């Protein structure tokens, strides 16, 4: 689902699951090394397809640790 670049950026940032990813804001991701608008758009699409978005508070949902 994700390009190698986007996957590697998330891996380098130690983001290993969707539940970890959605707790970030877009601005936070853009600060990661080699992470740009294209990777952000790609990840936003993946989240949208799963009914997720950035900045979610998962403590209220009891979410699982789904891998991307």
N, C-alpha and C. Protein backbone atom coordinates (compact mmCIF):
# COMPACT_ATOMS: atom_id res chain seq x y z
N UNK A 1 0.80 -1.20 0.00
CA UNK A 1 0.00 0.00 0.00
C UNK A 1 0.84 1.27 0.00
N UNK A 2 1.91 1.28 0.77
CA UNK A 2 2.77 2.47 0.84
C UNK A 2 3.99 2.31 -0.04
N UNK A 3 4.48 3.44 -0.54
CA UNK A 3 5.73 3.41 -1.30
C UNK A 3 6.88 3.09 -0.35
N UNK A 4 7.98 2.68 -0.93
CA UNK A 4 9.17 2.37 -0.13
C UNK A 4 9.61 3.59 0.65
N UNK A 5 9.60 4.76 0.02
CA UNK A 5 10.03 5.99 0.69
C UNK A 5 9.15 6.29 1.91
N UNK A 6 7.85 6.26 1.73
CA UNK A 6 6.94 6.56 2.84
C UNK A 6 7.11 5.53 3.96
N UNK A 7 7.19 4.26 3.59
CA UNK A 7 7.37 3.20 4.58
C UNK A 7 8.67 3.40 5.35
N UNK A 8 9.76 3.69 4.64
CA UNK A 8 11.06 3.87 5.29
C UNK A 8 11.07 5.10 6.20
N UNK A 9 10.40 6.15 5.80
CA UNK A 9 10.32 7.35 6.65
C UNK A 9 9.60 7.04 7.96
N UNK A 10 8.50 6.31 7.86
CA UNK A 10 7.76 5.93 9.07
C UNK A 10 8.58 4.99 9.94
N UNK A 11 9.24 4.06 9.31
CA UNK A 11 10.09 3.11 10.04
C UNK A 11 11.21 3.85 10.77
N UNK A 12 11.86 4.80 10.09
CA UNK A 12 12.94 5.57 10.71
C UNK A 12 12.43 6.40 11.89
N UNK A 13 11.18 6.83 11.80
CA UNK A 13 10.57 7.61 12.89
C UNK A 13 10.01 6.71 13.99
N UNK A 14 10.21 5.39 13.83
CA UNK A 14 9.74 4.40 14.81
C UNK A 14 8.22 4.40 14.94
N UNK A 15 7.55 4.64 13.81
CA UNK A 15 6.10 4.53 13.73
C UNK A 15 5.82 3.19 13.07
N UNK A 16 5.31 2.25 13.86
CA UNK A 16 5.19 0.87 13.39
C UNK A 16 3.76 0.39 13.17
N UNK A 17 2.79 1.22 13.46
CA UNK A 17 1.40 0.79 13.31
C UNK A 17 0.52 1.98 12.96
N UNK A 18 -0.67 1.68 12.45
CA UNK A 18 -1.63 2.73 12.16
C UNK A 18 -2.06 3.45 13.43
N UNK A 19 -2.18 2.71 14.52
CA UNK A 19 -2.59 3.35 15.78
C UNK A 19 -1.55 4.37 16.25
N UNK A 20 -0.29 4.12 15.99
CA UNK A 20 0.75 5.10 16.31
C UNK A 20 0.70 6.26 15.32
N UNK A 21 0.51 5.95 14.05
CA UNK A 21 0.53 6.96 12.99
C UNK A 21 -0.58 7.99 13.16
N UNK A 22 -1.80 7.56 13.43
CA UNK A 22 -2.92 8.50 13.47
C UNK A 22 -2.87 9.46 14.65
N UNK A 23 -2.02 9.21 15.60
CA UNK A 23 -1.89 10.12 16.74
C UNK A 23 -1.05 11.35 16.39
N UNK A 24 -0.36 11.31 15.26
CA UNK A 24 0.45 12.44 14.80
C UNK A 24 -0.42 13.42 14.01
N UNK A 25 0.05 14.65 13.92
CA UNK A 25 -0.54 15.65 13.04
C UNK A 25 0.31 15.70 11.77
N UNK A 26 -0.26 16.19 10.68
CA UNK A 26 0.47 16.27 9.42
C UNK A 26 1.76 17.07 9.57
N UNK A 27 1.70 18.15 10.32
CA UNK A 27 2.87 19.01 10.50
C UNK A 27 4.03 18.26 11.15
N UNK A 28 3.69 17.35 12.06
CA UNK A 28 4.72 16.55 12.74
C UNK A 28 5.43 15.64 11.74
N UNK A 29 4.66 15.00 10.87
CA UNK A 29 5.25 14.09 9.89
C UNK A 29 6.16 14.83 8.92
N UNK A 30 5.78 16.04 8.55
CA UNK A 30 6.56 16.81 7.58
C UNK A 30 7.94 17.17 8.13
N UNK A 31 8.13 17.07 9.42
CA UNK A 31 9.43 17.37 10.03
C UNK A 31 10.40 16.20 9.94
N UNK A 32 9.89 15.01 9.61
CA UNK A 32 10.75 13.84 9.52
C UNK A 32 11.64 13.94 8.29
N UNK A 33 12.83 13.41 8.41
CA UNK A 33 13.81 13.43 7.32
C UNK A 33 13.26 12.68 6.10
N UNK A 34 13.41 13.28 4.92
CA UNK A 34 12.98 12.71 3.64
C UNK A 34 11.48 12.54 3.50
N UNK A 35 10.72 13.13 4.38
CA UNK A 35 9.26 13.03 4.31
C UNK A 35 8.72 14.29 3.68
N UNK A 36 8.03 14.15 2.56
CA UNK A 36 7.51 15.31 1.85
C UNK A 36 6.02 15.22 1.58
N UNK A 37 5.55 16.16 0.78
CA UNK A 37 4.13 16.26 0.47
C UNK A 37 3.59 15.01 -0.21
N UNK A 38 4.39 14.42 -1.08
CA UNK A 38 3.94 13.21 -1.79
C UNK A 38 3.70 12.06 -0.80
N UNK A 39 4.63 11.86 0.13
CA UNK A 39 4.45 10.81 1.15
C UNK A 39 3.25 11.12 2.02
N UNK A 40 3.08 12.38 2.37
CA UNK A 40 1.94 12.77 3.21
C UNK A 40 0.62 12.47 2.49
N UNK A 41 0.53 12.84 1.22
CA UNK A 41 -0.69 12.58 0.45
C UNK A 41 -0.99 11.09 0.36
N UNK A 42 0.06 10.32 0.15
CA UNK A 42 -0.08 8.87 0.05
C UNK A 42 -0.62 8.28 1.36
N UNK A 43 -0.07 8.72 2.47
CA UNK A 43 -0.49 8.22 3.78
C UNK A 43 -1.91 8.69 4.11
N UNK A 44 -2.23 9.93 3.76
CA UNK A 44 -3.59 10.43 3.98
C UNK A 44 -4.60 9.56 3.23
N UNK A 45 -4.27 9.14 2.02
CA UNK A 45 -5.16 8.29 1.23
C UNK A 45 -5.37 6.94 1.92
N UNK A 46 -4.28 6.35 2.42
CA UNK A 46 -4.37 5.06 3.11
C UNK A 46 -5.26 5.20 4.35
N UNK A 47 -5.07 6.27 5.11
CA UNK A 47 -5.89 6.48 6.30
C UNK A 47 -7.35 6.68 5.93
N UNK A 48 -7.59 7.48 4.90
CA UNK A 48 -8.96 7.75 4.46
C UNK A 48 -9.68 6.45 4.06
N UNK A 49 -8.97 5.58 3.36
CA UNK A 49 -9.55 4.30 2.94
C UNK A 49 -9.97 3.44 4.12
N UNK A 50 -9.34 3.67 5.26
CA UNK A 50 -9.63 2.89 6.46
C UNK A 50 -10.51 3.65 7.47
N UNK A 51 -10.99 4.82 7.06
CA UNK A 51 -11.84 5.61 7.95
C UNK A 51 -11.09 6.27 9.08
N UNK A 52 -9.80 6.52 8.88
CA UNK A 52 -8.95 7.12 9.90
C UNK A 52 -8.49 8.50 9.46
N UNK A 53 -7.94 9.26 10.39
CA UNK A 53 -7.38 10.57 10.08
C UNK A 53 -6.29 10.90 11.09
N UNK A 54 -5.51 11.92 10.77
CA UNK A 54 -4.45 12.36 11.68
C UNK A 54 -5.05 13.02 12.91
N UNK A 55 -4.33 12.93 14.01
CA UNK A 55 -4.73 13.61 15.24
C UNK A 55 -5.81 12.89 16.04
N UNK A 56 -5.98 11.60 15.79
CA UNK A 56 -7.00 10.84 16.52
C UNK A 56 -6.56 10.56 17.95
N UNK A 57 -7.52 10.59 18.87
CA UNK A 57 -7.27 10.22 20.26
C UNK A 57 -7.75 8.79 20.44
N UNK A 58 -6.83 7.86 20.40
CA UNK A 58 -7.18 6.45 20.43
C UNK A 58 -7.52 5.94 21.82
N UNK A 59 -7.23 6.72 22.84
CA UNK A 59 -7.55 6.27 24.20
C UNK A 59 -9.06 6.11 24.38
N UNK A 60 -9.84 6.82 23.59
CA UNK A 60 -11.29 6.73 23.68
C UNK A 60 -11.86 5.59 22.84
N UNK A 61 -11.04 5.03 21.96
CA UNK A 61 -11.53 4.01 21.04
C UNK A 61 -11.12 2.60 21.42
N UNK A 62 -10.10 2.45 22.24
CA UNK A 62 -9.59 1.12 22.56
C UNK A 62 -9.06 0.43 21.32
N UNK A 63 -8.33 1.16 20.49
CA UNK A 63 -7.91 0.66 19.17
C UNK A 63 -6.83 -0.41 19.27
N UNK A 64 -6.84 -1.28 18.28
CA UNK A 64 -5.79 -2.29 18.14
C UNK A 64 -4.58 -1.68 17.47
N UNK A 65 -3.48 -2.41 17.50
CA UNK A 65 -2.25 -1.95 16.88
C UNK A 65 -2.14 -2.55 15.48
N UNK A 66 -2.94 -2.05 14.56
CA UNK A 66 -2.90 -2.55 13.18
C UNK A 66 -1.66 -2.04 12.47
N UNK A 67 -1.02 -2.95 11.75
CA UNK A 67 0.13 -2.54 10.96
C UNK A 67 -0.35 -1.92 9.67
N UNK A 68 0.48 -1.04 9.10
CA UNK A 68 0.14 -0.46 7.81
C UNK A 68 0.76 -1.32 6.78
